[in-house]
């Protein structure tokens, strides 16, 4: 566990997140975080999609992409109107 100190930054106050924790959480400069307070703890959660290295590619972490998805989505068809040219039906 690391200790940090709240410091004045302009009209705000903030903390610096130690490198070891940033690396473990895979967050870096520019990463947006959601912040909440729960049961006496301040909780920071990356709100942007994190990536993981697969070969030479950075790909989204699927768990992040589907965060909050309940499986209840049902697609629906919609009509774009009658053909206007030589579309093949």
PDB file of N, CA and C in Angstrom:
ATOM      1  N   UNK A   1       0.849  -1.174   0.000  1.00  0.00           N
ATOM      2  CA  UNK A   1       0.000   0.000   0.000  1.00  0.00           C
ATOM      3  C   UNK A   1       0.896   1.239   0.000  1.00  0.00           C
ATOM      4  N   UNK A   2       0.592   2.193  -0.847  1.00  0.00           N
ATOM      5  CA  UNK A   2       1.339   3.443  -0.919  1.00  0.00           C
ATOM      6  C   UNK A   2       0.569   4.527  -0.197  1.00  0.00           C
ATOM      7  N   UNK A   3       1.292   5.496   0.306  1.00  0.00           N
ATOM      8  CA  UNK A   3       0.658   6.666   0.905  1.00  0.00           C
ATOM      9  C   UNK A   3       0.883   7.852  -0.009  1.00  0.00           C
ATOM     10  N   UNK A   4      -0.140   8.671  -0.167  1.00  0.00           N
ATOM     11  CA  UNK A   4      -0.038   9.891  -0.955  1.00  0.00           C
ATOM     12  C   UNK A   4      -0.571  11.040  -0.112  1.00  0.00           C
ATOM     13  N   UNK A   5      -0.212  12.249  -0.482  1.00  0.00           N
ATOM     14  CA  UNK A   5      -0.657  13.440   0.238  1.00  0.00           C
ATOM     15  C   UNK A   5      -1.450  14.318  -0.718  1.00  0.00           C
ATOM     16  N   UNK A   6      -2.569  14.817  -0.238  1.00  0.00           N
ATOM     17  CA  UNK A   6      -3.380  15.734  -1.032  1.00  0.00           C
ATOM     18  C   UNK A   6      -2.627  17.058  -1.110  1.00  0.00           C
ATOM     19  N   UNK A   7      -2.507  17.606  -2.327  1.00  0.00           N
ATOM     20  CA  UNK A   7      -1.776  18.857  -2.544  1.00  0.00           C
ATOM     21  C   UNK A   7      -2.642  19.849  -3.296  1.00  0.00           C
ATOM     22  N   UNK A   8      -2.386  21.111  -3.103  1.00  0.00           N
ATOM     23  CA  UNK A   8      -3.107  22.182  -3.790  1.00  0.00           C
ATOM     24  C   UNK A   8      -2.593  22.284  -5.224  1.00  0.00           C
ATOM     25  N   UNK A   9      -3.496  22.295  -6.208  1.00  0.00           N
ATOM     26  CA  UNK A   9      -3.168  22.489  -7.621  1.00  0.00           C
ATOM     27  C   UNK A   9      -4.121  23.541  -8.161  1.00  0.00           C
ATOM     28  N   UNK A  10      -3.674  24.772  -8.282  1.00  0.00           N
ATOM     29  CA  UNK A  10      -4.553  25.848  -8.734  1.00  0.00           C
ATOM     30  C   UNK A  10      -5.670  26.039  -7.730  1.00  0.00           C
ATOM     31  N   UNK A  11      -6.912  26.005  -8.205  1.00  0.00           N
ATOM     32  CA  UNK A  11      -8.072  26.137  -7.329  1.00  0.00           C
ATOM     33  C   UNK A  11      -8.575  24.788  -6.841  1.00  0.00           C
ATOM     34  N   UNK A  12      -7.875  23.733  -7.181  1.00  0.00           N
ATOM     35  CA  UNK A  12      -8.290  22.384  -6.809  1.00  0.00           C
ATOM     36  C   UNK A  12      -7.264  21.763  -5.873  1.00  0.00           C
ATOM     37  N   UNK A  13      -7.558  20.562  -5.447  1.00  0.00           N
ATOM     38  CA  UNK A  13      -6.610  19.761  -4.694  1.00  0.00           C
ATOM     39  C   UNK A  13      -6.536  18.408  -5.362  1.00  0.00           C
ATOM     40  N   UNK A  14      -5.399  17.745  -5.288  1.00  0.00           N
ATOM     41  CA  UNK A  14      -5.263  16.467  -5.970  1.00  0.00           C
ATOM     42  C   UNK A  14      -4.179  15.611  -5.350  1.00  0.00           C
ATOM     43  N   UNK A  15      -4.045  14.429  -5.893  1.00  0.00           N
ATOM     44  CA  UNK A  15      -3.010  13.493  -5.474  1.00  0.00           C
ATOM     45  C   UNK A  15      -2.244  13.052  -6.711  1.00  0.00           C
ATOM     46  N   UNK A  16      -1.054  12.539  -6.499  1.00  0.00           N
ATOM     47  CA  UNK A  16      -0.285  11.910  -7.571  1.00  0.00           C
ATOM     48  C   UNK A  16      -0.366  10.417  -7.357  1.00  0.00           C
ATOM     49  N   UNK A  17      -0.622   9.696  -8.429  1.00  0.00           N
ATOM     50  CA  UNK A  17      -0.715   8.235  -8.348  1.00  0.00           C
ATOM     51  C   UNK A  17       0.666   7.661  -8.640  1.00  0.00           C
ATOM     52  N   UNK A  18       1.221   6.874  -7.714  1.00  0.00           N
ATOM     53  CA  UNK A  18       2.557   6.319  -7.925  1.00  0.00           C
ATOM     54  C   UNK A  18       2.644   5.464  -9.192  1.00  0.00           C
ATOM     55  N   UNK A  19       3.812   5.486  -9.828  1.00  0.00           N
ATOM     56  CA  UNK A  19       4.049   4.783 -11.082  1.00  0.00           C
ATOM     57  C   UNK A  19       3.698   3.303 -11.000  1.00  0.00           C
ATOM     58  N   UNK A  20       4.074   2.641  -9.906  1.00  0.00           N
ATOM     59  CA  UNK A  20       3.807   1.207  -9.770  1.00  0.00           C
ATOM     60  C   UNK A  20       2.307   0.915  -9.864  1.00  0.00           C
ATOM     61  N   UNK A  21       1.503   1.771  -9.251  1.00  0.00           N
ATOM     62  CA  UNK A  21       0.048   1.569  -9.286  1.00  0.00           C
ATOM     63  C   UNK A  21      -0.495   1.900 -10.672  1.00  0.00           C
ATOM     64  N   UNK A  22       0.020   2.981 -11.290  1.00  0.00           N
ATOM     65  CA  UNK A  22      -0.418   3.320 -12.653  1.00  0.00           C
ATOM     66  C   UNK A  22      -0.108   2.192 -13.613  1.00  0.00           C
ATOM     67  N   UNK A  23       1.092   1.629 -13.502  1.00  0.00           N
ATOM     68  CA  UNK A  23       1.478   0.531 -14.390  1.00  0.00           C
ATOM     69  C   UNK A  23       0.572  -0.680 -14.176  1.00  0.00           C
ATOM     70  N   UNK A  24       0.313  -1.023 -12.930  1.00  0.00           N
ATOM     71  CA  UNK A  24      -0.530  -2.189 -12.634  1.00  0.00           C
ATOM     72  C   UNK A  24      -1.957  -1.979 -13.134  1.00  0.00           C
ATOM     73  N   UNK A  25      -2.464  -0.751 -12.997  1.00  0.00           N
ATOM     74  CA  UNK A  25      -3.832  -0.437 -13.433  1.00  0.00           C
ATOM     75  C   UNK A  25      -3.904  -0.098 -14.916  1.00  0.00           C
ATOM     76  N   UNK A  26      -2.744  -0.032 -15.563  1.00  0.00           N
ATOM     77  CA  UNK A  26      -2.649   0.325 -16.981  1.00  0.00           C
ATOM     78  C   UNK A  26      -3.310   1.662 -17.283  1.00  0.00           C
ATOM     79  N   UNK A  27      -2.990   2.646 -16.469  1.00  0.00           N
ATOM     80  CA  UNK A  27      -3.464   4.007 -16.719  1.00  0.00           C
ATOM     81  C   UNK A  27      -2.251   4.892 -16.931  1.00  0.00           C
ATOM     82  N   UNK A  28      -2.429   5.917 -17.736  1.00  0.00           N
ATOM     83  CA  UNK A  28      -1.336   6.839 -18.034  1.00  0.00           C
ATOM     84  C   UNK A  28      -1.915   8.227 -18.242  1.00  0.00           C
ATOM     85  N   UNK A  29      -1.056   9.175 -18.531  1.00  0.00           N
ATOM     86  CA  UNK A  29      -1.510  10.544 -18.760  1.00  0.00           C
ATOM     87  C   UNK A  29      -2.603  10.555 -19.822  1.00  0.00           C
ATOM     88  N   UNK A  30      -3.698  11.230 -19.525  1.00  0.00           N
ATOM     89  CA  UNK A  30      -4.815  11.315 -20.465  1.00  0.00           C
ATOM     90  C   UNK A  30      -5.906  10.291 -20.208  1.00  0.00           C
ATOM     91  N   UNK A  31      -5.636   9.285 -19.375  1.00  0.00           N
ATOM     92  CA  UNK A  31      -6.659   8.292 -19.056  1.00  0.00           C
ATOM     93  C   UNK A  31      -7.761   8.961 -18.245  1.00  0.00           C
ATOM     94  N   UNK A  32      -9.004   8.835 -18.683  1.00  0.00           N
ATOM     95  CA  UNK A  32     -10.130   9.370 -17.920  1.00  0.00           C
ATOM     96  C   UNK A  32     -10.509   8.376 -16.842  1.00  0.00           C
ATOM     97  N   UNK A  33     -10.779   8.902 -15.638  1.00  0.00           N
ATOM     98  CA  UNK A  33     -11.155   8.051 -14.527  1.00  0.00           C
ATOM     99  C   UNK A  33     -12.520   8.465 -13.991  1.00  0.00           C
ATOM    100  N   UNK A  34     -13.336   7.484 -13.641  1.00  0.00           N
ATOM    101  CA  UNK A  34     -14.564   7.736 -12.907  1.00  0.00           C
ATOM    102  C   UNK A  34     -14.180   7.695 -11.435  1.00  0.00           C
ATOM    103  N   UNK A  35     -14.718   8.615 -10.647  1.00  0.00           N
ATOM    104  CA  UNK A  35     -14.414   8.656  -9.230  1.00  0.00           C
ATOM    105  C   UNK A  35     -15.704   8.538  -8.437  1.00  0.00           C
ATOM    106  N   UNK A  36     -15.662   7.731  -7.387  1.00  0.00           N
ATOM    107  CA  UNK A  36     -16.838   7.579  -6.521  1.00  0.00           C
ATOM    108  C   UNK A  36     -16.373   7.395  -5.083  1.00  0.00           C
ATOM    109  N   UNK A  37     -17.302   7.549  -4.176  1.00  0.00           N
ATOM    110  CA  UNK A  37     -17.025   7.369  -2.756  1.00  0.00           C
ATOM    111  C   UNK A  37     -17.961   6.288  -2.255  1.00  0.00           C
ATOM    112  N   UNK A  38     -17.404   5.229  -1.702  1.00  0.00           N
ATOM    113  CA  UNK A  38     -18.234   4.115  -1.261  1.00  0.00           C
ATOM    114  C   UNK A  38     -17.646   3.500   0.001  1.00  0.00           C
ATOM    115  N   UNK A  39     -18.462   3.376   1.018  1.00  0.00           N
ATOM    116  CA  UNK A  39     -18.073   2.717   2.272  1.00  0.00           C
ATOM    117  C   UNK A  39     -16.753   3.247   2.825  1.00  0.00           C
ATOM    118  N   UNK A  40     -16.576   4.561   2.809  1.00  0.00           N
ATOM    119  CA  UNK A  40     -15.384   5.165   3.375  1.00  0.00           C
ATOM    120  C   UNK A  40     -14.168   5.160   2.477  1.00  0.00           C
ATOM    121  N   UNK A  41     -14.315   4.722   1.230  1.00  0.00           N
ATOM    122  CA  UNK A  41     -13.181   4.661   0.301  1.00  0.00           C
ATOM    123  C   UNK A  41     -13.449   5.494  -0.940  1.00  0.00           C
ATOM    124  N   UNK A  42     -12.411   6.117  -1.444  1.00  0.00           N
ATOM    125  CA  UNK A  42     -12.479   6.807  -2.732  1.00  0.00           C
ATOM    126  C   UNK A  42     -12.057   5.786  -3.776  1.00  0.00           C
ATOM    127  N   UNK A  43     -12.906   5.578  -4.782  1.00  0.00           N
ATOM    128  CA  UNK A  43     -12.660   4.553  -5.801  1.00  0.00           C
ATOM    129  C   UNK A  43     -12.451   5.230  -7.150  1.00  0.00           C
ATOM    130  N   UNK A  44     -11.326   4.947  -7.788  1.00  0.00           N
ATOM    131  CA  UNK A  44     -11.030   5.443  -9.131  1.00  0.00           C
ATOM    132  C   UNK A  44     -11.105   4.280 -10.099  1.00  0.00           C
ATOM    133  N   UNK A  45     -11.870   4.456 -11.186  1.00  0.00           N
ATOM    134  CA  UNK A  45     -12.027   3.413 -12.183  1.00  0.00           C
ATOM    135  C   UNK A  45     -11.794   4.013 -13.566  1.00  0.00           C
ATOM    136  N   UNK A  46     -10.935   3.416 -14.392  1.00  0.00           N
ATOM    137  CA  UNK A  46     -10.748   3.952 -15.742  1.00  0.00           C
ATOM    138  C   UNK A  46     -12.074   3.975 -16.500  1.00  0.00           C
ATOM    139  N   UNK A  47     -12.416   5.132 -17.067  1.00  0.00           N
ATOM    140  CA  UNK A  47     -13.664   5.223 -17.814  1.00  0.00           C
ATOM    141  C   UNK A  47     -13.429   5.037 -19.303  1.00  0.00           C
ATOM    142  N   UNK A  48     -12.185   5.076 -19.736  1.00  0.00           N
ATOM    143  CA  UNK A  48     -11.881   4.803 -21.122  1.00  0.00           C
ATOM    144  C   UNK A  48     -11.554   3.318 -21.264  1.00  0.00           C
ATOM    145  N   UNK A  49     -11.628   2.832 -22.459  1.00  0.00           N
ATOM    146  CA  UNK A  49     -11.358   1.422 -22.698  1.00  0.00           C
ATOM    147  C   UNK A  49      -9.860   1.169 -22.585  1.00  0.00           C
ATOM    148  N   UNK A  50      -9.488   0.271 -21.696  1.00  0.00           N
ATOM    149  CA  UNK A  50      -8.084  -0.106 -21.570  1.00  0.00           C
ATOM    150  C   UNK A  50      -7.727  -1.053 -22.700  1.00  0.00           C
ATOM    151  N   UNK A  51      -6.448  -1.141 -22.991  1.00  0.00           N
ATOM    152  CA  UNK A  51      -6.000  -2.061 -24.028  1.00  0.00           C
ATOM    153  C   UNK A  51      -4.972  -3.022 -23.457  1.00  0.00           C
ATOM    154  N   UNK A  52      -4.810  -4.123 -24.154  1.00  0.00           N
ATOM    155  CA  UNK A  52      -3.816  -5.120 -23.797  1.00  0.00           C
ATOM    156  C   UNK A  52      -3.055  -5.458 -25.077  1.00  0.00           C
ATOM    157  N   UNK A  53      -1.777  -5.738 -24.951  1.00  0.00           N
ATOM    158  CA  UNK A  53      -0.936  -6.047 -26.111  1.00  0.00           C
ATOM    159  C   UNK A  53      -1.185  -7.477 -26.558  1.00  0.00           C
ATOM    160  N   UNK A  54      -1.565  -7.664 -27.807  1.00  0.00           N
ATOM    161  CA  UNK A  54      -1.713  -8.990 -28.416  1.00  0.00           C
ATOM    162  C   UNK A  54      -0.809  -8.977 -29.642  1.00  0.00           C
ATOM    163  N   UNK A  55       0.334  -9.654 -29.522  1.00  0.00           N
ATOM    164  CA  UNK A  55       1.329  -9.562 -30.580  1.00  0.00           C
ATOM    165  C   UNK A  55       1.815  -8.138 -30.682  1.00  0.00           C
ATOM    166  N   UNK A  56       1.718  -7.542 -31.848  1.00  0.00           N
ATOM    167  CA  UNK A  56       2.139  -6.151 -32.000  1.00  0.00           C
ATOM    168  C   UNK A  56       0.971  -5.168 -31.904  1.00  0.00           C
ATOM    169  N   UNK A  57      -0.225  -5.669 -31.589  1.00  0.00           N
ATOM    170  CA  UNK A  57      -1.414  -4.827 -31.574  1.00  0.00           C
ATOM    171  C   UNK A  57      -1.893  -4.537 -30.157  1.00  0.00           C
ATOM    172  N   UNK A  58      -2.410  -3.334 -29.941  1.00  0.00           N
ATOM    173  CA  UNK A  58      -3.111  -2.986 -28.708  1.00  0.00           C
ATOM    174  C   UNK A  58      -4.591  -3.194 -28.980  1.00  0.00           C
ATOM    175  N   UNK A  59      -5.213  -4.108 -28.251  1.00  0.00           N
ATOM    176  CA  UNK A  59      -6.636  -4.396 -28.459  1.00  0.00           C
ATOM    177  C   UNK A  59      -7.408  -4.081 -27.180  1.00  0.00           C
ATOM    178  N   UNK A  60      -8.686  -3.692 -27.310  1.00  0.00           N
ATOM    179  CA  UNK A  60      -9.488  -3.367 -26.136  1.00  0.00           C
ATOM    180  C   UNK A  60      -9.645  -4.570 -25.212  1.00  0.00           C
ATOM    181  N   UNK A  61      -9.718  -4.286 -23.922  1.00  0.00           N
ATOM    182  CA  UNK A  61     -10.015  -5.322 -22.939  1.00  0.00           C
ATOM    183  C   UNK A  61     -11.521  -5.574 -23.009  1.00  0.00           C
ATOM    184  N   UNK A  62     -11.905  -6.789 -23.410  1.00  0.00           N
ATOM    185  CA  UNK A  62     -13.321  -7.086 -23.631  1.00  0.00           C
ATOM    186  C   UNK A  62     -14.176  -6.830 -22.396  1.00  0.00           C
ATOM    187  N   UNK A  63     -13.654  -7.108 -21.231  1.00  0.00           N
ATOM    188  CA  UNK A  63     -14.413  -6.884 -19.998  1.00  0.00           C
ATOM    189  C   UNK A  63     -14.815  -5.418 -19.889  1.00  0.00           C
ATOM    190  N   UNK A  64     -13.934  -4.495 -20.315  1.00  0.00           N
ATOM    191  CA  UNK A  64     -14.258  -3.073 -20.279  1.00  0.00           C
ATOM    192  C   UNK A  64     -15.322  -2.722 -21.321  1.00  0.00           C
ATOM    193  N   UNK A  65     -15.200  -3.310 -22.508  1.00  0.00           N
ATOM    194  CA  UNK A  65     -16.162  -3.010 -23.569  1.00  0.00           C
ATOM    195  C   UNK A  65     -17.577  -3.420 -23.195  1.00  0.00           C
ATOM    196  N   UNK A  66     -17.685  -4.506 -22.464  1.00  0.00           N
ATOM    197  CA  UNK A  66     -19.008  -5.026 -22.117  1.00  0.00           C
ATOM    198  C   UNK A  66     -19.432  -4.695 -20.692  1.00  0.00           C
ATOM    199  N   UNK A  67     -18.701  -3.788 -20.042  1.00  0.00           N
ATOM    200  CA  UNK A  67     -19.042  -3.370 -18.687  1.00  0.00           C
ATOM    201  C   UNK A  67     -20.464  -2.807 -18.678  1.00  0.00           C
ATOM    202  N   UNK A  68     -21.290  -3.327 -17.822  1.00  0.00           N
ATOM    203  CA  UNK A  68     -22.664  -2.848 -17.709  1.00  0.00           C
ATOM    204  C   UNK A  68     -23.640  -3.509 -18.671  1.00  0.00           C
ATOM    205  N   UNK A  69     -23.149  -4.322 -19.594  1.00  0.00           N
ATOM    206  CA  UNK A  69     -24.039  -4.996 -20.548  1.00  0.00           C
ATOM    207  C   UNK A  69     -24.738  -6.153 -19.853  1.00  0.00           C
ATOM    208  N   UNK A  70     -26.054  -6.197 -19.984  1.00  0.00           N
ATOM    209  CA  UNK A  70     -26.831  -7.230 -19.300  1.00  0.00           C
ATOM    210  C   UNK A  70     -27.300  -8.332 -20.229  1.00  0.00           C
ATOM    211  N   UNK A  71     -27.074  -8.186 -21.528  1.00  0.00           N
ATOM    212  CA  UNK A  71     -27.523  -9.194 -22.480  1.00  0.00           C
ATOM    213  C   UNK A  71     -28.963  -8.980 -22.911  1.00  0.00           C
ATOM    214  N   UNK A  72     -29.525  -7.833 -22.539  1.00  0.00           N
ATOM    215  CA  UNK A  72     -30.940  -7.601 -22.823  1.00  0.00           C
ATOM    216  C   UNK A  72     -31.190  -6.893 -24.159  1.00  0.00           C
ATOM    217  N   UNK A  73     -30.152  -6.561 -24.926  1.00  0.00           N
ATOM    218  CA  UNK A  73     -30.344  -5.864 -26.191  1.00  0.00           C
ATOM    219  C   UNK A  73     -31.011  -6.771 -27.211  1.00  0.00           C
ATOM    220  N   UNK A  74     -32.025  -6.254 -27.870  1.00  0.00           N
ATOM    221  CA  UNK A  74     -32.688  -6.966 -28.966  1.00  0.00           C
ATOM    222  C   UNK A  74     -32.737  -6.022 -30.160  1.00  0.00           C
ATOM    223  N   UNK A  75     -32.039  -6.382 -31.228  1.00  0.00           N
ATOM    224  CA  UNK A  75     -32.039  -5.554 -32.420  1.00  0.00           C
ATOM    225  C   UNK A  75     -33.418  -5.517 -33.060  1.00  0.00           C
ATOM    226  N   UNK A  76     -33.655  -4.510 -33.861  1.00  0.00           N
ATOM    227  CA  UNK A  76     -34.934  -4.408 -34.541  1.00  0.00           C
ATOM    228  C   UNK A  76     -34.693  -4.013 -35.987  1.00  0.00           C
ATOM    229  N   UNK A  77     -35.600  -4.429 -36.849  1.00  0.00           N
ATOM    230  CA  UNK A  77     -35.494  -4.070 -38.251  1.00  0.00           C
ATOM    231  C   UNK A  77     -36.152  -2.724 -38.467  1.00  0.00           C
ATOM    232  N   UNK A  78     -35.661  -1.995 -39.473  1.00  0.00           N
ATOM    233  CA  UNK A  78     -36.303  -0.747 -39.833  1.00  0.00           C
ATOM    234  C   UNK A  78     -36.300  -0.604 -41.342  1.00  0.00           C
ATOM    235  N   UNK A  79     -37.303   0.053 -41.836  1.00  0.00           N
ATOM    236  CA  UNK A  79     -37.529   0.178 -43.269  1.00  0.00           C
ATOM    237  C   UNK A  79     -36.865   1.442 -43.792  1.00  0.00           C
ATOM    238  N   UNK A  80     -36.084   1.304 -44.842  1.00  0.00           N
ATOM    239  CA  UNK A  80     -35.428   2.472 -45.432  1.00  0.00           C
ATOM    240  C   UNK A  80     -36.207   3.020 -46.616  1.00  0.00           C
ATOM    241  N   UNK A  81     -37.360   2.443 -46.910  1.00  0.00           N
ATOM    242  CA  UNK A  81     -38.183   2.927 -48.011  1.00  0.00           C
ATOM    243  C   UNK A  81     -38.051   2.054 -49.243  1.00  0.00           C
ATOM    244  N   UNK A  82     -38.795   2.422 -50.252  1.00  0.00           N
ATOM    245  CA  UNK A  82     -38.808   1.664 -51.501  1.00  0.00           C
ATOM    246  C   UNK A  82     -37.518   1.912 -52.278  1.00  0.00           C
ATOM    247  N   UNK A  83     -37.133   0.963 -53.162  1.00  0.00           N
ATOM    248  CA  UNK A  83     -35.951   1.162 -54.004  1.00  0.00           C
ATOM    249  C   UNK A  83     -36.111   2.423 -54.848  1.00  0.00           C
ATOM    250  N   UNK A  84     -34.999   3.135 -55.062  1.00  0.00           N
ATOM    251  CA  UNK A  84     -35.054   4.368 -55.856  1.00  0.00           C
ATOM    252  C   UNK A  84     -34.197   4.259 -57.116  1.00  0.00           C
ATOM    253  N   UNK A  85     -33.453   3.205 -57.234  1.00  0.00           N
ATOM    254  CA  UNK A  85     -32.578   3.034 -58.400  1.00  0.00           C
ATOM    255  C   UNK A  85     -32.663   1.604 -58.884  1.00  0.00           C
ATOM    256  N   UNK A  86     -31.516   0.990 -59.099  1.00  0.00           N
ATOM    257  CA  UNK A  86     -31.481  -0.386 -59.597  1.00  0.00           C
ATOM    258  C   UNK A  86     -30.956  -1.331 -58.528  1.00  0.00           C
ATOM    259  N   UNK A  87     -31.400  -1.111 -57.266  1.00  0.00           N
ATOM    260  CA  UNK A  87     -30.980  -1.993 -56.190  1.00  0.00           C
ATOM    261  C   UNK A  87     -31.456  -3.411 -56.469  1.00  0.00           C
ATOM    262  N   UNK A  88     -30.693  -4.389 -56.013  1.00  0.00           N
ATOM    263  CA  UNK A  88     -31.081  -5.778 -56.166  1.00  0.00           C
ATOM    264  C   UNK A  88     -31.780  -6.200 -54.883  1.00  0.00           C
ATOM    265  N   UNK A  89     -32.972  -6.747 -55.031  1.00  0.00           N
ATOM    266  CA  UNK A  89     -33.724  -7.231 -53.846  1.00  0.00           C
ATOM    267  C   UNK A  89     -33.684  -8.685 -53.830  1.00  0.00           C
TER     268      UNK A  89
END
